[in-house]
Amino acid sequence: MPNIKIFSGSSHQDLSQKIADRLGLELGKVVTKKFSNQETCVEIGESVRGEDVYIVQSGCGEINDNLMELLIMINACKIASASRVTAVIPCFPYARQDKKDKSRAPISAKLVANMLSVAGADHIITMDLHASQIQGFFDIPVDNLYAEPAVLKWIKENIAEWKNCTIVSPDAGGAKRVTSIADRLNVDFALIHKERKKANEVDRMVLVGDVKDRVAILVDDMADTCGTICHAADKLVSAGATKVYAILTHGIFSGPAISRINNACFEAVVVTNTIPQEDKMKQCPKIQV
């Protein structure tokens, strides 16, 4: 391999370590700390001159601190003459603010894209962007990887009756993701149309498709407060589904999410490790990674 150096931000050390182990490399030495006024300080502890540098930092936890830390790390490597700096951002921050949906709304995802470019990133690797168009906010290459292969593998290995299941999208936006998985498994799909009154609160849901006497598998790119997927699960059970699973790429689980999942009728809520889940799994036995 070329001279690859991997540095880990403080948002998800476990994932960075797994990546390094898989590549047979050591994680680069880096110290991230805060001054007493809460400014972020980063010290890269080894030479990166002429190297191909990868910085792993997910958009989770203290999102703004982690984003700032990532920008400073990119900049530090860039001005220390790294030949190329790749930001590996499993869960892209501000991805839901990707359009002007009302007057005077910011397009924060574009702002984050500009900040990453200005800091000196040459390449971005991310997972299951909330909207694939975000790739077009960048003038540098962006690799948007899909969790789909891992999702298919999990369904086949863990759901005995997967041949008699329906893949369900909890909103119209995820229809493409769901149809693709349903095609690969050769099963039916359904979607739930929701009418919103204001952000993070769902009003009314309409199920389009048939789940009667079948296992329903909800698939989405992220779950934050889990209002949508818990509503959707109730809807599916009342429409005659025998079991309900949820498979999500990014399990953000903020606010009332954990208690909602504990009270909902899921067999399991399966997420990938783009965001650390150890603490959440202790509070909720239904969550699997």
C-alpha atoms as a PDB file:
ATOM      1  CA  MET A   1       0.000   0.000   0.000  1.00  0.00           C
ATOM      2  CA  PRO A   2       1.127   3.584  -0.499  1.00  0.00           C
ATOM      3  CA  ASN A   3       2.136   5.590   2.567  1.00  0.00           C
ATOM      4  CA  ILE A   4      -1.254   5.700   4.242  1.00  0.00           C
ATOM      5  CA  LYS A   5      -1.656   7.336   7.637  1.00  0.00           C
ATOM      6  CA  ILE A   6      -4.932   7.051   9.551  1.00  0.00           C
ATOM      7  CA  PHE A   7      -5.779   9.532  12.282  1.00  0.00           C
ATOM      8  CA  SER A   8      -8.793   9.295  14.537  1.00  0.00           C
ATOM      9  CA  GLY A   9     -10.868  12.203  15.766  1.00  0.00           C
ATOM     10  CA  SER A  10     -12.428  11.855  19.196  1.00  0.00           C
ATOM     11  CA  SER A  11     -15.978  11.084  18.006  1.00  0.00           C
ATOM     12  CA  HIS A  12     -15.590   7.349  17.291  1.00  0.00           C
ATOM     13  CA  GLN A  13     -12.217   5.885  18.274  1.00  0.00           C
ATOM     14  CA  ASP A  14     -13.515   2.329  18.177  1.00  0.00           C
ATOM     15  CA  LEU A  15     -14.398   2.522  14.465  1.00  0.00           C
ATOM     16  CA  SER A  16     -11.032   4.106  13.612  1.00  0.00           C
ATOM     17  CA  GLN A  17      -9.270   1.277  15.449  1.00  0.00           C
ATOM     18  CA  LYS A  18     -11.303  -1.337  13.544  1.00  0.00           C
ATOM     19  CA  ILE A  19     -10.419   0.321  10.218  1.00  0.00           C
ATOM     20  CA  ALA A  20      -6.721   0.427  11.127  1.00  0.00           C
ATOM     21  CA  ASP A  21      -6.769  -3.227  12.246  1.00  0.00           C
ATOM     22  CA  ARG A  22      -8.447  -4.287   8.992  1.00  0.00           C
ATOM     23  CA  LEU A  23      -5.717  -2.478   7.014  1.00  0.00           C
ATOM     24  CA  GLY A  24      -2.978  -3.827   9.288  1.00  0.00           C
ATOM     25  CA  LEU A  25      -1.828  -0.330  10.230  1.00  0.00           C
ATOM     26  CA  GLU A  26      -1.298   1.572  13.465  1.00  0.00           C
ATOM     27  CA  LEU A  27      -3.441   4.639  14.145  1.00  0.00           C
ATOM     28  CA  GLY A  28      -1.405   7.848  13.786  1.00  0.00           C
ATOM     29  CA  LYS A  29      -0.415   9.746  16.915  1.00  0.00           C
ATOM     30  CA  VAL A  30      -2.693  12.678  17.540  1.00  0.00           C
ATOM     31  CA  VAL A  31      -3.636  14.553  20.706  1.00  0.00           C
ATOM     32  CA  THR A  32      -6.924  16.453  20.742  1.00  0.00           C
ATOM     33  CA  LYS A  33      -7.717  18.526  23.785  1.00  0.00           C
ATOM     34  CA  LYS A  34      -9.573  21.649  24.784  1.00  0.00           C
ATOM     35  CA  PHE A  35      -8.174  24.824  26.221  1.00  0.00           C
ATOM     36  CA  SER A  36      -9.961  26.145  29.285  1.00  0.00           C
ATOM     37  CA  ASN A  37     -11.985  28.543  27.102  1.00  0.00           C
ATOM     38  CA  GLN A  38     -13.261  25.474  25.183  1.00  0.00           C
ATOM     39  CA  GLU A  39     -11.215  26.152  22.020  1.00  0.00           C
ATOM     40  CA  THR A  40     -10.121  22.936  20.335  1.00  0.00           C
ATOM     41  CA  CYS A  41      -6.418  22.135  20.211  1.00  0.00           C
ATOM     42  CA  VAL A  42      -4.994  19.432  17.942  1.00  0.00           C
ATOM     43  CA  GLU A  43      -1.409  18.180  17.891  1.00  0.00           C
ATOM     44  CA  ILE A  44      -0.418  15.742  15.131  1.00  0.00           C
ATOM     45  CA  GLY A  45       2.354  13.663  16.718  1.00  0.00           C
ATOM     46  CA  GLU A  46       4.174  12.380  13.641  1.00  0.00           C
ATOM     47  CA  SER A  47       5.350  13.538  10.218  1.00  0.00           C
ATOM     48  CA  VAL A  48       2.758  13.498   7.421  1.00  0.00           C
ATOM     49  CA  ARG A  49       4.950  15.057   4.710  1.00  0.00           C
ATOM     50  CA  GLY A  50       4.052  13.569   1.330  1.00  0.00           C
ATOM     51  CA  GLU A  51       1.719  11.036   2.940  1.00  0.00           C
ATOM     52  CA  ASP A  52      -1.800   9.960   1.999  1.00  0.00           C
ATOM     53  CA  VAL A  53      -3.708  10.928   5.161  1.00  0.00           C
ATOM     54  CA  TYR A  54      -7.139   9.643   6.249  1.00  0.00           C
ATOM     55  CA  ILE A  55      -8.934  11.323   9.139  1.00  0.00           C
ATOM     56  CA  VAL A  56     -11.872   9.404  10.633  1.00  0.00           C
ATOM     57  CA  GLN A  57     -14.464  11.566  12.379  1.00  0.00           C
ATOM     58  CA  SER A  58     -18.208  10.846  12.533  1.00  0.00           C
ATOM     59  CA  GLY A  59     -20.841  13.567  12.873  1.00  0.00           C
ATOM     60  CA  CYS A  60     -22.308  12.475  16.181  1.00  0.00           C
ATOM     61  CA  GLY A  61     -22.166  13.252  19.885  1.00  0.00           C
ATOM     62  CA  GLU A  62     -21.017  16.853  20.322  1.00  0.00           C
ATOM     63  CA  ILE A  63     -21.540  17.525  16.634  1.00  0.00           C
ATOM     64  CA  ASN A  64     -20.178  21.058  16.447  1.00  0.00           C
ATOM     65  CA  ASP A  65     -17.076  20.274  18.522  1.00  0.00           C
ATOM     66  CA  ASN A  66     -16.371  17.197  16.434  1.00  0.00           C
ATOM     67  CA  LEU A  67     -16.846  19.077  13.171  1.00  0.00           C
ATOM     68  CA  MET A  68     -14.478  21.827  14.314  1.00  0.00           C
ATOM     69  CA  GLU A  69     -11.943  19.225  15.432  1.00  0.00           C
ATOM     70  CA  LEU A  70     -12.126  17.577  12.005  1.00  0.00           C
ATOM     71  CA  LEU A  71     -11.573  20.904  10.216  1.00  0.00           C
ATOM     72  CA  ILE A  72      -8.570  21.699  12.419  1.00  0.00           C
ATOM     73  CA  MET A  73      -7.088  18.218  11.882  1.00  0.00           C
ATOM     74  CA  ILE A  74      -7.490  18.502   8.101  1.00  0.00           C
ATOM     75  CA  ASN A  75      -5.858  21.910   8.151  1.00  0.00           C
ATOM     76  CA  ALA A  76      -3.011  20.766  10.389  1.00  0.00           C
ATOM     77  CA  CYS A  77      -2.196  17.882   8.030  1.00  0.00           C
ATOM     78  CA  LYS A  78      -2.543  20.067   4.946  1.00  0.00           C
ATOM     79  CA  ILE A  79      -0.120  22.741   6.130  1.00  0.00           C
ATOM     80  CA  ALA A  80       2.277  20.011   7.289  1.00  0.00           C
ATOM     81  CA  SER A  81       2.621  19.086   3.569  1.00  0.00           C
ATOM     82  CA  ALA A  82       0.448  15.954   3.449  1.00  0.00           C
ATOM     83  CA  SER A  83       0.081  15.014  -0.232  1.00  0.00           C
ATOM     84  CA  ARG A  84      -3.624  14.231   0.100  1.00  0.00           C
ATOM     85  CA  VAL A  85      -6.097  14.478   2.962  1.00  0.00           C
ATOM     86  CA  THR A  86      -9.245  12.343   2.958  1.00  0.00           C
ATOM     87  CA  ALA A  87     -11.978  13.028   5.505  1.00  0.00           C
ATOM     88  CA  VAL A  88     -13.816   9.830   6.435  1.00  0.00           C
ATOM     89  CA  ILE A  89     -17.159  11.025   7.831  1.00  0.00           C
ATOM     90  CA  PRO A  90     -19.397   7.966   8.369  1.00  0.00           C
ATOM     91  CA  CYS A  91     -22.370  10.083   9.474  1.00  0.00           C
ATOM     92  CA  PHE A  92     -22.361  13.422   7.653  1.00  0.00           C
ATOM     93  CA  PRO A  93     -23.298  16.338   9.964  1.00  0.00           C
ATOM     94  CA  TYR A  94     -26.126  18.717   9.002  1.00  0.00           C
ATOM     95  CA  ALA A  95     -27.166  16.408   6.137  1.00  0.00           C
ATOM     96  CA  ARG A  96     -30.845  17.053   6.849  1.00  0.00           C
ATOM     97  CA  GLN A  97     -30.482  20.777   6.158  1.00  0.00           C
ATOM     98  CA  ASP A  98     -29.874  20.259   2.460  1.00  0.00           C
ATOM     99  CA  LYS A  99     -32.407  22.600   0.821  1.00  0.00           C
ATOM    100  CA  LYS A 100     -34.359  25.777   1.401  1.00  0.00           C
ATOM    101  CA  ASP A 101     -37.657  24.268   2.448  1.00  0.00           C
ATOM    102  CA  LYS A 102     -38.950  27.625   3.697  1.00  0.00           C
ATOM    103  CA  SER A 103     -37.914  31.215   3.210  1.00  0.00           C
ATOM    104  CA  ARG A 104     -34.691  32.335   4.879  1.00  0.00           C
ATOM    105  CA  ALA A 105     -33.718  28.761   5.798  1.00  0.00           C
ATOM    106  CA  PRO A 106     -29.984  28.001   5.650  1.00  0.00           C
ATOM    107  CA  ILE A 107     -28.536  25.233   3.505  1.00  0.00           C
ATOM    108  CA  SER A 108     -26.191  24.089   6.257  1.00  0.00           C
ATOM    109  CA  ALA A 109     -25.035  20.923   4.466  1.00  0.00           C
ATOM    110  CA  LYS A 110     -23.584  23.125   1.714  1.00  0.00           C
ATOM    111  CA  LEU A 111     -21.907  25.303   4.341  1.00  0.00           C
ATOM    112  CA  VAL A 112     -20.281  22.213   5.885  1.00  0.00           C
ATOM    113  CA  ALA A 113     -19.132  21.151   2.405  1.00  0.00           C
ATOM    114  CA  ASN A 114     -17.516  24.547   1.850  1.00  0.00           C
ATOM    115  CA  MET A 115     -15.844  24.440   5.258  1.00  0.00           C
ATOM    116  CA  LEU A 116     -14.338  21.013   4.561  1.00  0.00           C
ATOM    117  CA  SER A 117     -13.016  22.187   1.190  1.00  0.00           C
ATOM    118  CA  VAL A 118     -11.573  25.399   2.611  1.00  0.00           C
ATOM    119  CA  ALA A 119      -9.901  23.474   5.461  1.00  0.00           C
ATOM    120  CA  GLY A 120      -8.059  21.533   2.751  1.00  0.00           C
ATOM    121  CA  ALA A 121      -9.836  18.172   2.339  1.00  0.00           C
ATOM    122  CA  ASP A 122      -9.060  16.587  -1.048  1.00  0.00           C
ATOM    123  CA  HIS A 123     -11.579  13.756  -0.844  1.00  0.00           C
ATOM    124  CA  ILE A 124     -14.593  12.818   1.300  1.00  0.00           C
ATOM    125  CA  ILE A 125     -15.795   9.320   2.188  1.00  0.00           C
ATOM    126  CA  THR A 126     -19.222   9.083   3.820  1.00  0.00           C
ATOM    127  CA  MET A 127     -22.040   6.568   4.349  1.00  0.00           C
ATOM    128  CA  ASP A 128     -25.659   6.714   3.194  1.00  0.00           C
ATOM    129  CA  LEU A 129     -26.043  10.464   2.784  1.00  0.00           C
ATOM    130  CA  HIS A 130     -29.488  11.672   3.771  1.00  0.00           C
ATOM    131  CA  ALA A 131     -29.840  13.060   0.240  1.00  0.00           C
ATOM    132  CA  SER A 132     -27.413  11.859  -2.445  1.00  0.00           C
ATOM    133  CA  GLN A 133     -27.457  15.330  -4.022  1.00  0.00           C
ATOM    134  CA  ILE A 134     -25.179  16.506  -1.186  1.00  0.00           C
ATOM    135  CA  GLN A 135     -22.353  14.982  -3.253  1.00  0.00           C
ATOM    136  CA  GLY A 136     -22.956  17.851  -5.671  1.00  0.00           C
ATOM    137  CA  PHE A 137     -22.300  20.435  -2.945  1.00  0.00           C
ATOM    138  CA  PHE A 138     -18.604  19.551  -3.187  1.00  0.00           C
ATOM    139  CA  ASP A 139     -16.100  20.330  -5.943  1.00  0.00           C
ATOM    140  CA  ILE A 140     -13.844  17.539  -4.648  1.00  0.00           C
ATOM    141  CA  PRO A 141     -14.521  13.794  -5.079  1.00  0.00           C
ATOM    142  CA  VAL A 142     -17.089  12.331  -2.681  1.00  0.00           C
ATOM    143  CA  ASP A 143     -17.609   8.608  -2.150  1.00  0.00           C
ATOM    144  CA  ASN A 144     -21.060   7.910  -0.760  1.00  0.00           C
ATOM    145  CA  LEU A 145     -20.877   4.299   0.410  1.00  0.00           C
ATOM    146  CA  TYR A 146     -24.039   2.263   0.971  1.00  0.00           C
ATOM    147  CA  ALA A 147     -24.909   0.119   3.968  1.00  0.00           C
ATOM    148  CA  GLU A 148     -27.034  -2.037   1.649  1.00  0.00           C
ATOM    149  CA  PRO A 149     -24.678  -5.076   1.382  1.00  0.00           C
ATOM    150  CA  ALA A 150     -24.457  -5.262   5.186  1.00  0.00           C
ATOM    151  CA  VAL A 151     -28.250  -4.868   5.459  1.00  0.00           C
ATOM    152  CA  LEU A 152     -28.901  -7.721   2.991  1.00  0.00           C
ATOM    153  CA  LYS A 153     -26.425  -9.954   4.838  1.00  0.00           C
ATOM    154  CA  TRP A 154     -28.055  -9.215   8.204  1.00  0.00           C
ATOM    155  CA  ILE A 155     -31.574  -9.907   6.892  1.00  0.00           C
ATOM    156  CA  LYS A 156     -30.568 -13.263   5.382  1.00  0.00           C
ATOM    157  CA  GLU A 157     -28.630 -14.371   8.457  1.00  0.00           C
ATOM    158  CA  ASN A 158     -30.980 -13.195  11.213  1.00  0.00           C
ATOM    159  CA  ILE A 159     -34.547 -13.288   9.915  1.00  0.00           C
ATOM    160  CA  ALA A 160     -35.546 -16.890   9.315  1.00  0.00           C
ATOM    161  CA  GLU A 161     -38.688 -16.056   7.320  1.00  0.00           C
ATOM    162  CA  TRP A 162     -37.050 -13.338   5.152  1.00  0.00           C
ATOM    163  CA  LYS A 163     -38.479 -14.813   1.936  1.00  0.00           C
ATOM    164  CA  ASN A 164     -41.941 -13.883   3.181  1.00  0.00           C
ATOM    165  CA  CYS A 165     -41.201 -10.321   4.230  1.00  0.00           C
ATOM    166  CA  THR A 166     -42.065  -6.841   3.004  1.00  0.00           C
ATOM    167  CA  ILE A 167     -39.427  -4.104   3.023  1.00  0.00           C
ATOM    168  CA  VAL A 168     -41.039  -0.861   4.146  1.00  0.00           C
ATOM    169  CA  SER A 169     -39.884   2.725   3.805  1.00  0.00           C
ATOM    170  CA  PRO A 170     -41.127   4.970   6.648  1.00  0.00           C
ATOM    171  CA  ASP A 171     -41.259   7.923   4.258  1.00  0.00           C
ATOM    172  CA  ALA A 172     -41.411   8.636   0.544  1.00  0.00           C
ATOM    173  CA  GLY A 173     -37.818   9.921   0.527  1.00  0.00           C
ATOM    174  CA  GLY A 174     -36.414   6.461   1.216  1.00  0.00           C
ATOM    175  CA  ALA A 175     -38.375   4.732  -1.553  1.00  0.00           C
ATOM    176  CA  LYS A 176     -35.302   4.270  -3.754  1.00  0.00           C
ATOM    177  CA  ARG A 177     -33.263   2.649  -0.973  1.00  0.00           C
ATOM    178  CA  VAL A 178     -36.129   0.286  -0.140  1.00  0.00           C
ATOM    179  CA  THR A 179     -36.940  -0.741  -3.725  1.00  0.00           C
ATOM    180  CA  SER A 180     -33.287  -1.554  -4.308  1.00  0.00           C
ATOM    181  CA  ILE A 181     -33.143  -3.863  -1.258  1.00  0.00           C
ATOM    182  CA  ALA A 182     -36.508  -5.452  -2.107  1.00  0.00           C
ATOM    183  CA  ASP A 183     -35.267  -6.186  -5.648  1.00  0.00           C
ATOM    184  CA  ARG A 184     -32.084  -7.807  -4.365  1.00  0.00           C
ATOM    185  CA  LEU A 185     -34.071 -10.008  -1.954  1.00  0.00           C
ATOM    186  CA  ASN A 186     -36.830 -10.560  -4.529  1.00  0.00           C
ATOM    187  CA  VAL A 187     -39.601  -9.576  -2.082  1.00  0.00           C
ATOM    188  CA  ASP A 188     -42.350  -6.942  -2.031  1.00  0.00           C
ATOM    189  CA  PHE A 189     -41.988  -3.432  -0.722  1.00  0.00           C
ATOM    190  CA  ALA A 190     -44.372  -0.908   0.788  1.00  0.00           C
ATOM    191  CA  LEU A 191     -44.075   2.691   1.816  1.00  0.00           C
ATOM    192  CA  ILE A 192     -45.637   4.921   4.389  1.00  0.00           C
ATOM    193  CA  HIS A 193     -46.728   8.372   3.354  1.00  0.00           C
ATOM    194  CA  LYS A 194     -46.590  10.832   6.199  1.00  0.00           C
ATOM    195  CA  GLU A 195     -48.041  14.296   6.455  1.00  0.00           C
ATOM    196  CA  ARG A 196     -46.046  16.594   8.702  1.00  0.00           C
ATOM    197  CA  LYS A 197     -47.253  19.623  10.581  1.00  0.00           C
ATOM    198  CA  LYS A 198     -43.844  20.717  11.846  1.00  0.00           C
ATOM    199  CA  ALA A 199     -40.334  19.273  11.880  1.00  0.00           C
ATOM    200  CA  ASN A 200     -39.746  16.270  14.176  1.00  0.00           C
ATOM    201  CA  GLU A 201     -43.509  15.805  14.699  1.00  0.00           C
ATOM    202  CA  VAL A 202     -45.491  13.459  12.504  1.00  0.00           C
ATOM    203  CA  ASP A 203     -49.181  14.000  11.997  1.00  0.00           C
ATOM    204  CA  ARG A 204     -50.889  11.287   9.929  1.00  0.00           C
ATOM    205  CA  MET A 205     -49.604   8.140   8.221  1.00  0.00           C
ATOM    206  CA  VAL A 206     -50.927   6.194   5.254  1.00  0.00           C
ATOM    207  CA  LEU A 207     -49.565   2.737   4.367  1.00  0.00           C
ATOM    208  CA  VAL A 208     -49.205   2.025   0.647  1.00  0.00           C
ATOM    209  CA  GLY A 209     -48.702  -1.710   0.068  1.00  0.00           C
ATOM    210  CA  ASP A 210     -49.536  -5.002   1.763  1.00  0.00           C
ATOM    211  CA  VAL A 211     -47.962  -6.367   4.952  1.00  0.00           C
ATOM    212  CA  LYS A 212     -50.724  -8.681   6.160  1.00  0.00           C
ATOM    213  CA  ASP A 213     -49.350 -11.903   7.739  1.00  0.00           C
ATOM    214  CA  ARG A 214     -45.810 -10.964   6.802  1.00  0.00           C
ATOM    215  CA  VAL A 215     -42.639  -9.850   8.507  1.00  0.00           C
ATOM    216  CA  ALA A 216     -42.215  -6.110   7.939  1.00  0.00           C
ATOM    217  CA  ILE A 217     -38.701  -4.685   7.776  1.00  0.00           C
ATOM    218  CA  LEU A 218     -38.478  -0.905   8.069  1.00  0.00           C
ATOM    219  CA  VAL A 219     -35.384   0.452   6.328  1.00  0.00           C
ATOM    220  CA  ASP A 220     -34.198   4.046   6.636  1.00  0.00           C
ATOM    221  CA  ASP A 221     -30.952   6.008   6.516  1.00  0.00           C
ATOM    222  CA  MET A 222     -31.197   7.477  10.015  1.00  0.00           C
ATOM    223  CA  ALA A 223     -33.329   7.527  13.130  1.00  0.00           C
ATOM    224  CA  ASP A 224     -33.028  10.498  15.437  1.00  0.00           C
ATOM    225  CA  THR A 225     -35.901  10.902  17.907  1.00  0.00           C
ATOM    226  CA  CYS A 226     -37.494   7.712  16.451  1.00  0.00           C
ATOM    227  CA  GLY A 227     -40.984   9.252  16.316  1.00  0.00           C
ATOM    228  CA  THR A 228     -41.373   8.268  12.673  1.00  0.00           C
ATOM    229  CA  ILE A 229     -40.245   4.651  12.916  1.00  0.00           C
ATOM    230  CA  CYS A 230     -42.218   3.982  16.110  1.00  0.00           C
ATOM    231  CA  HIS A 231     -45.356   5.447  14.509  1.00  0.00           C
ATOM    232  CA  ALA A 232     -44.647   3.372  11.423  1.00  0.00           C
ATOM    233  CA  ALA A 233     -44.231   0.198  13.503  1.00  0.00           C
ATOM    234  CA  ASP A 234     -47.657   0.732  15.108  1.00  0.00           C
ATOM    235  CA  LYS A 235     -49.144   1.311  11.671  1.00  0.00           C
ATOM    236  CA  LEU A 236     -47.623  -1.931  10.346  1.00  0.00           C
ATOM    237  CA  VAL A 237     -48.846  -3.989  13.302  1.00  0.00           C
ATOM    238  CA  SER A 238     -52.360  -2.590  12.917  1.00  0.00           C
ATOM    239  CA  ALA A 239     -52.157  -3.475   9.191  1.00  0.00           C
ATOM    240  CA  GLY A 240     -51.519  -7.124  10.119  1.00  0.00           C
ATOM    241  CA  ALA A 241     -47.711  -7.520  10.109  1.00  0.00           C
ATOM    242  CA  THR A 242     -46.571 -10.515  12.196  1.00  0.00           C
ATOM    243  CA  LYS A 243     -43.220  -9.008  13.248  1.00  0.00           C
ATOM    244  CA  VAL A 244     -41.579  -5.636  12.744  1.00  0.00           C
ATOM    245  CA  TYR A 245     -37.844  -5.036  12.430  1.00  0.00           C
ATOM    246  CA  ALA A 246     -36.113  -1.697  11.828  1.00  0.00           C
ATOM    247  CA  ILE A 247     -32.793  -1.467  10.001  1.00  0.00           C
ATOM    248  CA  LEU A 248     -31.144   1.955  10.010  1.00  0.00           C
ATOM    249  CA  THR A 249     -27.734   3.116   8.864  1.00  0.00           C
ATOM    250  CA  HIS A 250     -27.245   5.921  11.383  1.00  0.00           C
ATOM    251  CA  GLY A 251     -28.721   5.362  14.837  1.00  0.00           C
ATOM    252  CA  ILE A 252     -28.589   8.876  16.290  1.00  0.00           C
ATOM    253  CA  PHE A 253     -31.146   8.099  19.021  1.00  0.00           C
ATOM    254  CA  SER A 254     -31.423  11.497  20.682  1.00  0.00           C
ATOM    255  CA  GLY A 255     -33.992  12.810  23.148  1.00  0.00           C
ATOM    256  CA  PRO A 256     -36.841  10.369  23.827  1.00  0.00           C
ATOM    257  CA  ALA A 257     -35.630   7.805  21.253  1.00  0.00           C
ATOM    258  CA  ILE A 258     -34.556   5.043  23.654  1.00  0.00           C
ATOM    259  CA  SER A 259     -37.778   5.038  25.690  1.00  0.00           C
ATOM    260  CA  ARG A 260     -39.808   5.112  22.467  1.00  0.00           C
ATOM    261  CA  ILE A 261     -37.975   2.047  21.116  1.00  0.00           C
ATOM    262  CA  ASN A 262     -38.350   0.224  24.434  1.00  0.00           C
ATOM    263  CA  ASN A 263     -42.110   0.837  24.320  1.00  0.00           C
ATOM    264  CA  ALA A 264     -42.531   0.048  20.604  1.00  0.00           C
ATOM    265  CA  CYS A 265     -43.301  -3.346  19.128  1.00  0.00           C
ATOM    266  CA  PHE A 266     -39.956  -4.007  17.405  1.00  0.00           C
ATOM    267  CA  GLU A 267     -38.297  -7.430  17.405  1.00  0.00           C
ATOM    268  CA  ALA A 268     -34.994  -5.617  16.866  1.00  0.00           C
ATOM    269  CA  VAL A 269     -33.675  -2.233  15.847  1.00  0.00           C
ATOM    270  CA  VAL A 270     -30.506  -2.807  13.828  1.00  0.00           C
ATOM    271  CA  VAL A 271     -27.991  -0.048  13.150  1.00  0.00           C
ATOM    272  CA  THR A 272     -24.478   0.135  11.681  1.00  0.00           C
ATOM    273  CA  ASN A 273     -21.488   1.355  13.686  1.00  0.00           C
ATOM    274  CA  THR A 274     -21.181   4.744  11.963  1.00  0.00           C
ATOM    275  CA  ILE A 275     -22.069   6.119  15.417  1.00  0.00           C
ATOM    276  CA  PRO A 276     -20.891   4.510  18.677  1.00  0.00           C
ATOM    277  CA  GLN A 277     -23.746   2.561  20.278  1.00  0.00           C
ATOM    278  CA  GLU A 278     -22.305   0.907  23.425  1.00  0.00           C
ATOM    279  CA  ASP A 279     -24.183   3.149  25.887  1.00  0.00           C
ATOM    280  CA  LYS A 280     -27.445   2.962  23.924  1.00  0.00           C
ATOM    281  CA  MET A 281     -27.292  -0.842  23.777  1.00  0.00           C
ATOM    282  CA  LYS A 282     -27.047  -0.997  27.579  1.00  0.00           C
ATOM    283  CA  GLN A 283     -30.232   1.073  27.899  1.00  0.00           C
ATOM    284  CA  CYS A 284     -32.149  -0.762  25.179  1.00  0.00           C
ATOM    285  CA  PRO A 285     -31.783  -4.513  24.549  1.00  0.00           C
ATOM    286  CA  LYS A 286     -33.574  -4.223  21.188  1.00  0.00           C
ATOM    287  CA  ILE A 287     -30.721  -2.272  19.600  1.00  0.00           C
ATOM    288  CA  GLN A 288     -28.228  -4.416  17.677  1.00  0.00           C
ATOM    289  CA  VAL A 289     -25.184  -3.301  15.693  1.00  0.00           C
END
